[in-house]
C-alpha atoms as a PDB file:
ATOM      1  CA  UNK A   1      -0.005   0.007  -0.001  1.00  0.00           C
ATOM      2  CA  UNK A   2       1.229   3.488  -0.709  1.00  0.00           C
ATOM      3  CA  UNK A   3       2.471   5.470   2.223  1.00  0.00           C
ATOM      4  CA  UNK A   4      -0.153   7.701   3.773  1.00  0.00           C
ATOM      5  CA  UNK A   5       0.237  11.327   2.797  1.00  0.00           C
ATOM      6  CA  UNK A   6      -0.272  13.875   5.526  1.00  0.00           C
ATOM      7  CA  UNK A   7      -0.676  17.371   4.192  1.00  0.00           C
ATOM      8  CA  UNK A   8       1.577  19.878   5.919  1.00  0.00           C
ATOM      9  CA  UNK A   9      -0.498  23.000   6.645  1.00  0.00           C
ATOM     10  CA  UNK A  10       1.813  24.482   9.254  1.00  0.00           C
ATOM     11  CA  UNK A  11       2.893  27.302   6.942  1.00  0.00           C
ATOM     12  CA  UNK A  12      -0.607  28.227   5.805  1.00  0.00           C
ATOM     13  CA  UNK A  13      -1.845  31.564   7.062  1.00  0.00           C
ATOM     14  CA  UNK A  14      -5.248  31.921   8.629  1.00  0.00           C
ATOM     15  CA  UNK A  15      -7.729  34.638   7.744  1.00  0.00           C
ATOM     16  CA  UNK A  16      -6.306  38.116   8.012  1.00  0.00           C
ATOM     17  CA  UNK A  17      -7.197  39.756  11.276  1.00  0.00           C
ATOM     18  CA  UNK A  18      -9.683  42.605  10.893  1.00  0.00           C
ATOM     19  CA  UNK A  19      -8.515  45.752  12.704  1.00  0.00           C
ATOM     20  CA  UNK A  20     -10.775  46.432  15.667  1.00  0.00           C
ATOM     21  CA  UNK A  21     -11.257  50.066  14.808  1.00  0.00           C
ATOM     22  CA  UNK A  22     -12.755  49.073  11.448  1.00  0.00           C
ATOM     23  CA  UNK A  23     -15.572  47.467  13.453  1.00  0.00           C
ATOM     24  CA  UNK A  24     -16.650  50.906  14.672  1.00  0.00           C
ATOM     25  CA  UNK A  25     -17.822  52.050  11.241  1.00  0.00           C
ATOM     26  CA  UNK A  26     -15.775  55.261  11.444  1.00  0.00           C
ATOM     27  CA  UNK A  27     -13.585  54.177   8.530  1.00  0.00           C
ATOM     28  CA  UNK A  28     -16.223  52.763   6.185  1.00  0.00           C
ATOM     29  CA  UNK A  29     -16.176  54.220   2.672  1.00  0.00           C
ATOM     30  CA  UNK A  30     -19.837  55.297   3.019  1.00  0.00           C
ATOM     31  CA  UNK A  31     -19.536  56.664   6.552  1.00  0.00           C
ATOM     32  CA  UNK A  32     -21.742  59.733   7.066  1.00  0.00           C
ATOM     33  CA  UNK A  33     -19.479  61.618   9.467  1.00  0.00           C
ATOM     34  CA  UNK A  34     -17.045  64.452   8.950  1.00  0.00           C
ATOM     35  CA  UNK A  35     -13.456  63.769   7.901  1.00  0.00           C
ATOM     36  CA  UNK A  36     -11.379  66.904   8.290  1.00  0.00           C
ATOM     37  CA  UNK A  37      -9.730  67.951   5.033  1.00  0.00           C
ATOM     38  CA  UNK A  38      -6.263  69.004   6.117  1.00  0.00           C
ATOM     39  CA  UNK A  39      -5.317  70.129   2.611  1.00  0.00           C
ATOM     40  CA  UNK A  40      -7.876  72.945   2.767  1.00  0.00           C
ATOM     41  CA  UNK A  41      -7.931  73.507   6.523  1.00  0.00           C
ATOM     42  CA  UNK A  42      -6.398  76.957   6.299  1.00  0.00           C
ATOM     43  CA  UNK A  43      -9.213  78.141   3.995  1.00  0.00           C
ATOM     44  CA  UNK A  44     -12.045  76.389   5.837  1.00  0.00           C
ATOM     45  CA  UNK A  45     -14.589  78.782   7.315  1.00  0.00           C
ATOM     46  CA  UNK A  46     -14.814  78.939  11.131  1.00  0.00           C
ATOM     47  CA  UNK A  47     -11.297  77.511  11.463  1.00  0.00           C
ATOM     48  CA  UNK A  48      -8.872  79.530  13.592  1.00  0.00           C
ATOM     49  CA  UNK A  49      -5.188  78.863  14.169  1.00  0.00           C
ATOM     50  CA  UNK A  50      -3.648  79.915  17.497  1.00  0.00           C
ATOM     51  CA  UNK A  51      -0.002  80.122  18.531  1.00  0.00           C
ATOM     52  CA  UNK A  52       2.382  78.278  16.224  1.00  0.00           C
ATOM     53  CA  UNK A  53      -0.176  75.727  15.047  1.00  0.00           C
ATOM     54  CA  UNK A  54       0.127  75.244  11.285  1.00  0.00           C
ATOM     55  CA  UNK A  55       0.051  72.918   8.319  1.00  0.00           C
ATOM     56  CA  UNK A  56       3.176  70.989   7.369  1.00  0.00           C
ATOM     57  CA  UNK A  57       4.228  68.512   4.688  1.00  0.00           C
ATOM     58  CA  UNK A  58       5.329  65.039   5.783  1.00  0.00           C
ATOM     59  CA  UNK A  59       6.593  63.042   2.788  1.00  0.00           C
ATOM     60  CA  UNK A  60       4.052  64.795   0.599  1.00  0.00           C
ATOM     61  CA  UNK A  61       1.174  64.374   3.041  1.00  0.00           C
ATOM     62  CA  UNK A  62      -0.385  67.396   4.713  1.00  0.00           C
ATOM     63  CA  UNK A  63      -0.352  67.198   8.503  1.00  0.00           C
ATOM     64  CA  UNK A  64      -1.252  69.640  11.250  1.00  0.00           C
ATOM     65  CA  UNK A  65       1.572  70.542  13.613  1.00  0.00           C
ATOM     66  CA  UNK A  66       1.088  71.602  17.255  1.00  0.00           C
ATOM     67  CA  UNK A  67       4.157  72.686  19.222  1.00  0.00           C
ATOM     68  CA  UNK A  68       2.518  72.435  22.665  1.00  0.00           C
ATOM     69  CA  UNK A  69       1.639  75.399  24.836  1.00  0.00           C
ATOM     70  CA  UNK A  70      -1.423  77.230  23.552  1.00  0.00           C
ATOM     71  CA  UNK A  71      -1.088  75.951  19.993  1.00  0.00           C
ATOM     72  CA  UNK A  72      -4.656  75.172  18.942  1.00  0.00           C
ATOM     73  CA  UNK A  73      -6.861  74.871  15.898  1.00  0.00           C
ATOM     74  CA  UNK A  74     -10.533  75.569  16.587  1.00  0.00           C
ATOM     75  CA  UNK A  75     -13.018  74.052  14.160  1.00  0.00           C
ATOM     76  CA  UNK A  76     -16.262  75.767  15.073  1.00  0.00           C
ATOM     77  CA  UNK A  77     -19.256  74.195  16.787  1.00  0.00           C
ATOM     78  CA  UNK A  78     -19.822  71.393  14.223  1.00  0.00           C
ATOM     79  CA  UNK A  79     -23.564  72.108  14.385  1.00  0.00           C
ATOM     80  CA  UNK A  80     -24.510  68.864  12.637  1.00  0.00           C
ATOM     81  CA  UNK A  81     -23.707  67.063  15.886  1.00  0.00           C
ATOM     82  CA  UNK A  82     -24.844  69.527  18.546  1.00  0.00           C
ATOM     83  CA  UNK A  83     -28.076  67.630  19.225  1.00  0.00           C
ATOM     84  CA  UNK A  84     -26.606  64.152  18.957  1.00  0.00           C
ATOM     85  CA  UNK A  85     -26.921  61.849  21.982  1.00  0.00           C
ATOM     86  CA  UNK A  86     -23.987  59.754  20.778  1.00  0.00           C
ATOM     87  CA  UNK A  87     -20.681  60.895  19.332  1.00  0.00           C
ATOM     88  CA  UNK A  88     -17.431  59.355  18.155  1.00  0.00           C
ATOM     89  CA  UNK A  89     -14.166  60.901  17.086  1.00  0.00           C
ATOM     90  CA  UNK A  90     -10.912  59.466  15.852  1.00  0.00           C
ATOM     91  CA  UNK A  91      -7.492  61.050  15.574  1.00  0.00           C
ATOM     92  CA  UNK A  92      -4.236  59.893  13.983  1.00  0.00           C
ATOM     93  CA  UNK A  93      -1.218  61.528  15.599  1.00  0.00           C
ATOM     94  CA  UNK A  94       2.543  61.233  15.940  1.00  0.00           C
ATOM     95  CA  UNK A  95       3.863  62.330  19.339  1.00  0.00           C
ATOM     96  CA  UNK A  96       7.003  64.436  19.452  1.00  0.00           C
ATOM     97  CA  UNK A  97       8.651  62.606  22.336  1.00  0.00           C
ATOM     98  CA  UNK A  98       8.112  59.925  24.964  1.00  0.00           C
ATOM     99  CA  UNK A  99       7.983  62.586  27.719  1.00  0.00           C
ATOM    100  CA  UNK A 100       5.174  64.480  26.033  1.00  0.00           C
ATOM    101  CA  UNK A 101       1.883  65.495  27.647  1.00  0.00           C
ATOM    102  CA  UNK A 102      -1.036  67.738  26.738  1.00  0.00           C
ATOM    103  CA  UNK A 103      -4.457  67.914  25.095  1.00  0.00           C
ATOM    104  CA  UNK A 104      -5.278  66.366  21.731  1.00  0.00           C
ATOM    105  CA  UNK A 105      -9.004  67.085  21.331  1.00  0.00           C
ATOM    106  CA  UNK A 106     -11.382  69.270  23.344  1.00  0.00           C
ATOM    107  CA  UNK A 107     -14.995  70.374  23.293  1.00  0.00           C
ATOM    108  CA  UNK A 108     -15.519  72.474  26.390  1.00  0.00           C
ATOM    109  CA  UNK A 109     -17.769  70.951  29.089  1.00  0.00           C
ATOM    110  CA  UNK A 110     -18.593  67.960  26.870  1.00  0.00           C
ATOM    111  CA  UNK A 111     -15.354  65.965  26.702  1.00  0.00           C
ATOM    112  CA  UNK A 112     -11.652  66.323  26.173  1.00  0.00           C
ATOM    113  CA  UNK A 113      -8.848  63.919  25.361  1.00  0.00           C
ATOM    114  CA  UNK A 114      -5.320  64.347  26.664  1.00  0.00           C
ATOM    115  CA  UNK A 115      -2.130  62.313  26.985  1.00  0.00           C
ATOM    116  CA  UNK A 116       0.004  62.397  30.113  1.00  0.00           C
ATOM    117  CA  UNK A 117       3.200  60.451  29.607  1.00  0.00           C
ATOM    118  CA  UNK A 118       2.065  56.834  29.207  1.00  0.00           C
ATOM    119  CA  UNK A 119      -1.574  57.544  30.189  1.00  0.00           C
ATOM    120  CA  UNK A 120      -4.645  58.396  28.158  1.00  0.00           C
ATOM    121  CA  UNK A 121      -6.817  60.887  30.030  1.00  0.00           C
ATOM    122  CA  UNK A 122     -10.458  61.263  28.969  1.00  0.00           C
ATOM    123  CA  UNK A 123     -12.893  63.641  30.630  1.00  0.00           C
ATOM    124  CA  UNK A 124     -16.593  63.427  29.759  1.00  0.00           C
ATOM    125  CA  UNK A 125     -19.672  65.185  31.110  1.00  0.00           C
ATOM    126  CA  UNK A 126     -21.715  63.196  33.643  1.00  0.00           C
ATOM    127  CA  UNK A 127     -24.901  64.166  35.502  1.00  0.00           C
ATOM    128  CA  UNK A 128     -24.232  65.098  39.131  1.00  0.00           C
ATOM    129  CA  UNK A 129     -20.488  64.554  38.644  1.00  0.00           C
ATOM    130  CA  UNK A 130     -19.425  67.400  36.364  1.00  0.00           C
ATOM    131  CA  UNK A 131     -16.555  66.332  34.132  1.00  0.00           C
ATOM    132  CA  UNK A 132     -15.782  62.721  35.037  1.00  0.00           C
ATOM    133  CA  UNK A 133     -12.140  61.751  34.517  1.00  0.00           C
ATOM    134  CA  UNK A 134     -10.782  58.404  33.326  1.00  0.00           C
ATOM    135  CA  UNK A 135      -7.067  57.621  33.200  1.00  0.00           C
ATOM    136  CA  UNK A 136      -5.552  54.529  31.640  1.00  0.00           C
ATOM    137  CA  UNK A 137      -1.904  53.554  31.325  1.00  0.00           C
ATOM    138  CA  UNK A 138      -1.230  52.339  27.779  1.00  0.00           C
ATOM    139  CA  UNK A 139       1.852  50.535  26.537  1.00  0.00           C
ATOM    140  CA  UNK A 140       3.673  52.246  23.634  1.00  0.00           C
ATOM    141  CA  UNK A 141       1.398  55.289  23.831  1.00  0.00           C
ATOM    142  CA  UNK A 142       4.312  57.636  23.086  1.00  0.00           C
ATOM    143  CA  UNK A 143       6.304  55.264  20.911  1.00  0.00           C
ATOM    144  CA  UNK A 144       7.755  56.844  17.789  1.00  0.00           C
ATOM    145  CA  UNK A 145       5.452  56.761  14.773  1.00  0.00           C
ATOM    146  CA  UNK A 146       1.809  57.318  13.994  1.00  0.00           C
ATOM    147  CA  UNK A 147      -0.915  56.149  16.387  1.00  0.00           C
ATOM    148  CA  UNK A 148      -4.721  56.230  16.442  1.00  0.00           C
ATOM    149  CA  UNK A 149      -7.129  56.938  19.274  1.00  0.00           C
ATOM    150  CA  UNK A 150     -10.861  56.439  18.720  1.00  0.00           C
ATOM    151  CA  UNK A 151     -13.369  57.589  21.336  1.00  0.00           C
ATOM    152  CA  UNK A 152     -17.018  56.381  21.312  1.00  0.00           C
ATOM    153  CA  UNK A 153     -19.630  57.828  23.694  1.00  0.00           C
ATOM    154  CA  UNK A 154     -23.364  57.102  23.892  1.00  0.00           C
ATOM    155  CA  UNK A 155     -25.332  59.149  26.434  1.00  0.00           C
ATOM    156  CA  UNK A 156     -28.498  57.069  26.034  1.00  0.00           C
ATOM    157  CA  UNK A 157     -26.803  53.732  26.642  1.00  0.00           C
ATOM    158  CA  UNK A 158     -24.432  55.448  29.112  1.00  0.00           C
ATOM    159  CA  UNK A 159     -21.451  53.753  27.601  1.00  0.00           C
ATOM    160  CA  UNK A 160     -18.008  54.843  26.435  1.00  0.00           C
ATOM    161  CA  UNK A 161     -15.216  53.015  24.749  1.00  0.00           C
ATOM    162  CA  UNK A 162     -11.683  54.060  23.774  1.00  0.00           C
ATOM    163  CA  UNK A 163      -9.431  52.268  21.311  1.00  0.00           C
ATOM    164  CA  UNK A 164      -5.702  52.822  20.934  1.00  0.00           C
ATOM    165  CA  UNK A 165      -4.100  51.330  17.835  1.00  0.00           C
ATOM    166  CA  UNK A 166      -6.933  48.758  17.518  1.00  0.00           C
ATOM    167  CA  UNK A 167      -6.800  47.713  21.169  1.00  0.00           C
ATOM    168  CA  UNK A 168      -9.644  48.516  23.547  1.00  0.00           C
ATOM    169  CA  UNK A 169      -8.120  50.411  26.461  1.00  0.00           C
ATOM    170  CA  UNK A 170     -11.298  51.808  28.108  1.00  0.00           C
ATOM    171  CA  UNK A 171     -14.788  50.336  28.293  1.00  0.00           C
ATOM    172  CA  UNK A 172     -17.036  52.029  30.871  1.00  0.00           C
ATOM    173  CA  UNK A 173     -20.707  52.341  31.737  1.00  0.00           C
ATOM    174  CA  UNK A 174     -20.488  53.629  35.284  1.00  0.00           C
ATOM    175  CA  UNK A 175     -22.001  57.114  34.924  1.00  0.00           C
ATOM    176  CA  UNK A 176     -24.970  59.036  33.518  1.00  0.00           C
ATOM    177  CA  UNK A 177     -23.097  60.629  30.618  1.00  0.00           C
ATOM    178  CA  UNK A 178     -24.321  63.864  29.122  1.00  0.00           C
ATOM    179  CA  UNK A 179     -23.317  66.367  26.462  1.00  0.00           C
ATOM    180  CA  UNK A 180     -25.468  69.059  28.097  1.00  0.00           C
ATOM    181  CA  UNK A 181     -23.711  70.077  31.296  1.00  0.00           C
ATOM    182  CA  UNK A 182     -23.812  73.583  29.847  1.00  0.00           C
ATOM    183  CA  UNK A 183     -26.489  74.692  27.406  1.00  0.00           C
ATOM    184  CA  UNK A 184     -24.038  76.778  25.395  1.00  0.00           C
ATOM    185  CA  UNK A 185     -22.136  74.859  22.724  1.00  0.00           C
ATOM    186  CA  UNK A 186     -18.426  75.610  22.411  1.00  0.00           C
ATOM    187  CA  UNK A 187     -16.114  75.144  19.469  1.00  0.00           C
ATOM    188  CA  UNK A 188     -14.336  71.854  18.871  1.00  0.00           C
ATOM    189  CA  UNK A 189     -10.571  72.156  19.064  1.00  0.00           C
ATOM    190  CA  UNK A 190      -7.448  70.187  18.216  1.00  0.00           C
ATOM    191  CA  UNK A 191      -5.315  70.964  21.204  1.00  0.00           C
ATOM    192  CA  UNK A 192      -6.859  73.136  23.908  1.00  0.00           C
ATOM    193  CA  UNK A 193      -7.126  76.900  23.726  1.00  0.00           C
ATOM    194  CA  UNK A 194      -7.009  77.350  27.522  1.00  0.00           C
ATOM    195  CA  UNK A 195      -4.559  74.618  28.562  1.00  0.00           C
ATOM    196  CA  UNK A 196      -1.413  72.952  27.354  1.00  0.00           C
ATOM    197  CA  UNK A 197      -1.754  71.275  23.980  1.00  0.00           C
ATOM    198  CA  UNK A 198       0.162  68.149  23.049  1.00  0.00           C
ATOM    199  CA  UNK A 199       3.300  68.638  20.953  1.00  0.00           C
ATOM    200  CA  UNK A 200       2.406  66.455  17.954  1.00  0.00           C
ATOM    201  CA  UNK A 201       1.481  66.199  14.314  1.00  0.00           C
ATOM    202  CA  UNK A 202      -2.044  65.175  13.318  1.00  0.00           C
ATOM    203  CA  UNK A 203      -2.717  63.414  10.033  1.00  0.00           C
ATOM    204  CA  UNK A 204      -6.414  62.464  10.349  1.00  0.00           C
ATOM    205  CA  UNK A 205      -9.384  63.671  12.395  1.00  0.00           C
ATOM    206  CA  UNK A 206     -13.005  62.560  12.031  1.00  0.00           C
ATOM    207  CA  UNK A 207     -16.266  63.079  13.965  1.00  0.00           C
ATOM    208  CA  UNK A 208     -19.690  61.535  13.630  1.00  0.00           C
ATOM    209  CA  UNK A 209     -22.734  60.110  15.412  1.00  0.00           C
ATOM    210  CA  UNK A 210     -23.129  56.884  13.468  1.00  0.00           C
ATOM    211  CA  UNK A 211     -20.847  54.166  14.860  1.00  0.00           C
ATOM    212  CA  UNK A 212     -20.713  50.766  16.537  1.00  0.00           C
ATOM    213  CA  UNK A 213     -19.122  49.784  19.799  1.00  0.00           C
ATOM    214  CA  UNK A 214     -16.682  46.925  19.469  1.00  0.00           C
ATOM    215  CA  UNK A 215     -18.614  44.134  21.200  1.00  0.00           C
ATOM    216  CA  UNK A 216     -17.036  41.630  23.554  1.00  0.00           C
ATOM    217  CA  UNK A 217     -17.886  38.796  21.150  1.00  0.00           C
ATOM    218  CA  UNK A 218     -15.444  40.218  18.639  1.00  0.00           C
ATOM    219  CA  UNK A 219     -12.618  40.035  21.148  1.00  0.00           C
ATOM    220  CA  UNK A 220     -12.900  36.307  21.873  1.00  0.00           C
END
């Protein structure tokens, strides 16, 4: 009898892993949210540059540079999302150094996102608590190269989730979240016009109210 043939499949690759952040819907081709056009940012209405914030070229790609301090770009109120009960935003950034700290995104009295060394710091409005603060230590947060942070908040489900480079680093539902601590709506900002901004370059920023939380079943 011929020798039995056992097929060697040890070198075969399994299905390609789907990046977690793609499960949020923020990067779908038909996504309905706003993707900031950096190429025309300096001519966009309602946009204001403060300090040394400015557009730069990085290997032919337009990026926004913040040098820390009060460097800020305000984007206006983004009125399409003022009445939304759920919001998500995503930012691609390249930190200047491992010792860096400062604000990346802010929308006064609704939420703000900052980095403090190796920690992500997120503050979000919560009924009877004011601005509730979450801090999470994250490995390689300030490693050289481009990174992504995606923040998802739903004030009806009272849930928030934060992804860093396709890893879930925050997943909370321990507060009555709100976007209406103050009735006045303030401008969105990259950086923070009243506090220290992060020293960084930003290559992508997007905001919208249509998204999906990454469910636990996808992480098994």
